[in-house]
Amino acid sequence: AIQQIAPNYKVYIYAREGATPEKLVADAAARFNIHLDQPIHVVPLRRSHLILPERYPRLTLLRQAWGSVGLGYEALSALVPEVYVDTTGWAFTYPLARLAGCRVACYTHYP
């Protein structure tokens, strides 16, 4: 929808290292029947392990939430977007995005 409303906007997606724009676009098409008009850009994140549950055998959700803050910091250090749209549900990154000067929006789809 953003690409149709504002074709001059660029779409950047924060993703774990190794994720490619082609793979993300193919996954979106297969899972959600979404077809993009223009290419997307990927901002690779090296610290995605910070939100993996197997990393934290105790206090898992709390520690994952804290890990999401570290991962959000890495993401926003690499690129500060005009609009930060979260689709993961890690809401602890929202204050960081606001402090960085972003408008924050979210959409979390759970099965």
C-alpha atoms as a PDB file:
ATOM      1  CA  ALA A   1       0.000   0.000   0.000  1.00  0.00           C
ATOM      2  CA  ILE A   2       2.808   2.430   0.834  1.00  0.00           C
ATOM      3  CA  GLN A   3       4.442   1.830  -2.521  1.00  0.00           C
ATOM      4  CA  GLN A   4       1.207   2.697  -4.311  1.00  0.00           C
ATOM      5  CA  ILE A   5       0.360   5.769  -2.228  1.00  0.00           C
ATOM      6  CA  ALA A   6       3.892   7.170  -2.129  1.00  0.00           C
ATOM      7  CA  PRO A   7       5.974   5.598  -4.910  1.00  0.00           C
ATOM      8  CA  ASN A   8       8.944   7.835  -4.086  1.00  0.00           C
ATOM      9  CA  TYR A   9       9.290   6.271  -0.602  1.00  0.00           C
ATOM     10  CA  LYS A  10      11.876   3.561  -0.137  1.00  0.00           C
ATOM     11  CA  VAL A  11      11.031   0.486   1.924  1.00  0.00           C
ATOM     12  CA  TYR A  12      13.767  -0.825   4.210  1.00  0.00           C
ATOM     13  CA  ILE A  13      13.360  -4.025   6.174  1.00  0.00           C
ATOM     14  CA  TYR A  14      15.505  -4.918   9.154  1.00  0.00           C
ATOM     15  CA  ALA A  15      16.329  -8.633   8.907  1.00  0.00           C
ATOM     16  CA  ARG A  16      18.797 -11.182  10.202  1.00  0.00           C
ATOM     17  CA  GLU A  17      22.045 -11.492   8.306  1.00  0.00           C
ATOM     18  CA  GLY A  18      21.684 -13.572   5.180  1.00  0.00           C
ATOM     19  CA  ALA A  19      18.117 -12.483   4.403  1.00  0.00           C
ATOM     20  CA  THR A  20      17.858 -11.131   0.875  1.00  0.00           C
ATOM     21  CA  PRO A  21      15.275  -8.806  -0.644  1.00  0.00           C
ATOM     22  CA  GLU A  22      14.372 -11.517  -3.153  1.00  0.00           C
ATOM     23  CA  LYS A  23      13.736 -14.100  -0.433  1.00  0.00           C
ATOM     24  CA  LEU A  24      11.651 -11.695   1.655  1.00  0.00           C
ATOM     25  CA  VAL A  25       9.555 -10.670  -1.356  1.00  0.00           C
ATOM     26  CA  ALA A  26       9.018 -14.321  -2.322  1.00  0.00           C
ATOM     27  CA  ASP A  27       7.970 -15.196   1.248  1.00  0.00           C
ATOM     28  CA  ALA A  28       5.504 -12.279   1.378  1.00  0.00           C
ATOM     29  CA  ALA A  29       3.997 -13.355  -1.931  1.00  0.00           C
ATOM     30  CA  ALA A  30       3.672 -16.991  -0.853  1.00  0.00           C
ATOM     31  CA  ARG A  31       2.310 -16.351   2.651  1.00  0.00           C
ATOM     32  CA  PHE A  32       0.178 -13.243   2.236  1.00  0.00           C
ATOM     33  CA  ASN A  33      -0.385 -12.901  -1.519  1.00  0.00           C
ATOM     34  CA  ILE A  34       1.414  -9.531  -1.442  1.00  0.00           C
ATOM     35  CA  HIS A  35       3.074  -8.382  -4.650  1.00  0.00           C
ATOM     36  CA  LEU A  36       5.349  -5.367  -4.522  1.00  0.00           C
ATOM     37  CA  ASP A  37       5.560  -2.705  -7.214  1.00  0.00           C
ATOM     38  CA  GLN A  38       9.098  -1.613  -6.393  1.00  0.00           C
ATOM     39  CA  PRO A  39      12.166  -3.232  -4.860  1.00  0.00           C
ATOM     40  CA  ILE A  40      12.800  -3.295  -1.129  1.00  0.00           C
ATOM     41  CA  HIS A  41      16.078  -2.822   0.724  1.00  0.00           C
ATOM     42  CA  VAL A  42      17.376  -4.973   3.580  1.00  0.00           C
ATOM     43  CA  VAL A  43      19.257  -3.686   6.609  1.00  0.00           C
ATOM     44  CA  PRO A  44      21.105  -6.741   7.958  1.00  0.00           C
ATOM     45  CA  LEU A  45      21.165  -7.265  11.725  1.00  0.00           C
ATOM     46  CA  ARG A  46      24.021  -9.238  13.271  1.00  0.00           C
ATOM     47  CA  ARG A  47      22.563  -9.550  16.746  1.00  0.00           C
ATOM     48  CA  SER A  48      19.281 -11.324  15.946  1.00  0.00           C
ATOM     49  CA  HIS A  49      20.361 -14.106  18.313  1.00  0.00           C
ATOM     50  CA  LEU A  50      19.389 -11.762  21.168  1.00  0.00           C
ATOM     51  CA  ILE A  51      15.702 -12.643  20.750  1.00  0.00           C
ATOM     52  CA  LEU A  52      16.011 -16.411  20.371  1.00  0.00           C
ATOM     53  CA  PRO A  53      14.227 -18.253  23.210  1.00  0.00           C
ATOM     54  CA  GLU A  54      16.803 -21.044  23.407  1.00  0.00           C
ATOM     55  CA  ARG A  55      19.381 -18.463  24.446  1.00  0.00           C
ATOM     56  CA  TYR A  56      17.513 -17.899  27.730  1.00  0.00           C
ATOM     57  CA  PRO A  57      16.588 -21.046  29.719  1.00  0.00           C
ATOM     58  CA  ARG A  58      15.290 -18.933  32.628  1.00  0.00           C
ATOM     59  CA  LEU A  59      13.178 -15.765  32.588  1.00  0.00           C
ATOM     60  CA  THR A  60      12.858 -16.285  28.839  1.00  0.00           C
ATOM     61  CA  LEU A  61      10.259 -13.632  27.955  1.00  0.00           C
ATOM     62  CA  LEU A  62      11.855 -10.981  30.133  1.00  0.00           C
ATOM     63  CA  ARG A  63      15.314 -11.607  28.734  1.00  0.00           C
ATOM     64  CA  GLN A  64      14.015 -11.775  25.153  1.00  0.00           C
ATOM     65  CA  ALA A  65      12.304  -8.423  25.715  1.00  0.00           C
ATOM     66  CA  TRP A  66      15.588  -6.957  26.913  1.00  0.00           C
ATOM     67  CA  GLY A  67      17.338  -8.560  23.931  1.00  0.00           C
ATOM     68  CA  SER A  68      14.830  -6.892  21.612  1.00  0.00           C
ATOM     69  CA  VAL A  69      15.954  -3.527  22.963  1.00  0.00           C
ATOM     70  CA  GLY A  70      19.559  -4.360  22.051  1.00  0.00           C
ATOM     71  CA  LEU A  71      18.484  -5.530  18.628  1.00  0.00           C
ATOM     72  CA  GLY A  72      16.353  -2.409  18.157  1.00  0.00           C
ATOM     73  CA  TYR A  73      19.345  -0.262  19.080  1.00  0.00           C
ATOM     74  CA  GLU A  74      21.448  -2.041  16.459  1.00  0.00           C
ATOM     75  CA  ALA A  75      18.708  -1.531  13.865  1.00  0.00           C
ATOM     76  CA  LEU A  76      18.217   2.154  14.586  1.00  0.00           C
ATOM     77  CA  SER A  77      21.970   2.718  14.677  1.00  0.00           C
ATOM     78  CA  ALA A  78      22.153   1.372  11.130  1.00  0.00           C
ATOM     79  CA  LEU A  79      19.141   3.281   9.760  1.00  0.00           C
ATOM     80  CA  VAL A  80      16.671   5.724  11.297  1.00  0.00           C
ATOM     81  CA  PRO A  81      13.529   5.626   9.163  1.00  0.00           C
ATOM     82  CA  GLU A  82      10.900   8.328   8.939  1.00  0.00           C
ATOM     83  CA  VAL A  83       8.264   5.752   9.926  1.00  0.00           C
ATOM     84  CA  TYR A  84       9.200   2.715  12.008  1.00  0.00           C
ATOM     85  CA  VAL A  85       6.702  -0.085  11.359  1.00  0.00           C
ATOM     86  CA  ASP A  86       7.023  -3.089  13.646  1.00  0.00           C
ATOM     87  CA  THR A  87       5.555  -6.434  12.628  1.00  0.00           C
ATOM     88  CA  THR A  88       7.244  -8.593  15.253  1.00  0.00           C
ATOM     89  CA  GLY A  89       5.435  -7.597  18.412  1.00  0.00           C
ATOM     90  CA  TRP A  90       8.572  -6.580  20.303  1.00  0.00           C
ATOM     91  CA  ALA A  91       7.026  -3.370  21.640  1.00  0.00           C
ATOM     92  CA  PHE A  92      10.034  -2.552  23.795  1.00  0.00           C
ATOM     93  CA  THR A  93      11.690  -1.085  20.696  1.00  0.00           C
ATOM     94  CA  TYR A  94       9.000   1.592  20.234  1.00  0.00           C
ATOM     95  CA  PRO A  95      10.412   4.076  22.766  1.00  0.00           C
ATOM     96  CA  LEU A  96      13.831   3.755  21.118  1.00  0.00           C
ATOM     97  CA  ALA A  97      12.326   4.519  17.726  1.00  0.00           C
ATOM     98  CA  ARG A  98      10.483   7.545  19.113  1.00  0.00           C
ATOM     99  CA  LEU A  99      13.671   8.806  20.765  1.00  0.00           C
ATOM    100  CA  ALA A 100      15.436   8.421  17.418  1.00  0.00           C
ATOM    101  CA  GLY A 101      12.799  10.683  15.843  1.00  0.00           C
ATOM    102  CA  CYS A 102      10.626   8.109  14.081  1.00  0.00           C
ATOM    103  CA  ARG A 103       6.886   7.930  13.905  1.00  0.00           C
ATOM    104  CA  VAL A 104       5.925   4.479  15.154  1.00  0.00           C
ATOM    105  CA  ALA A 105       3.302   2.133  13.748  1.00  0.00           C
ATOM    106  CA  CYS A 106       2.803  -1.564  14.289  1.00  0.00           C
ATOM    107  CA  TYR A 107       1.005  -4.532  12.868  1.00  0.00           C
ATOM    108  CA  THR A 108       1.404  -7.862  14.560  1.00  0.00           C
ATOM    109  CA  HIS A 109      -0.264 -10.874  12.986  1.00  0.00           C
ATOM    110  CA  TYR A 110      -0.388 -13.884  15.224  1.00  0.00           C
ATOM    111  CA  PRO A 111      -1.391 -17.165  13.553  1.00  0.00           C
END
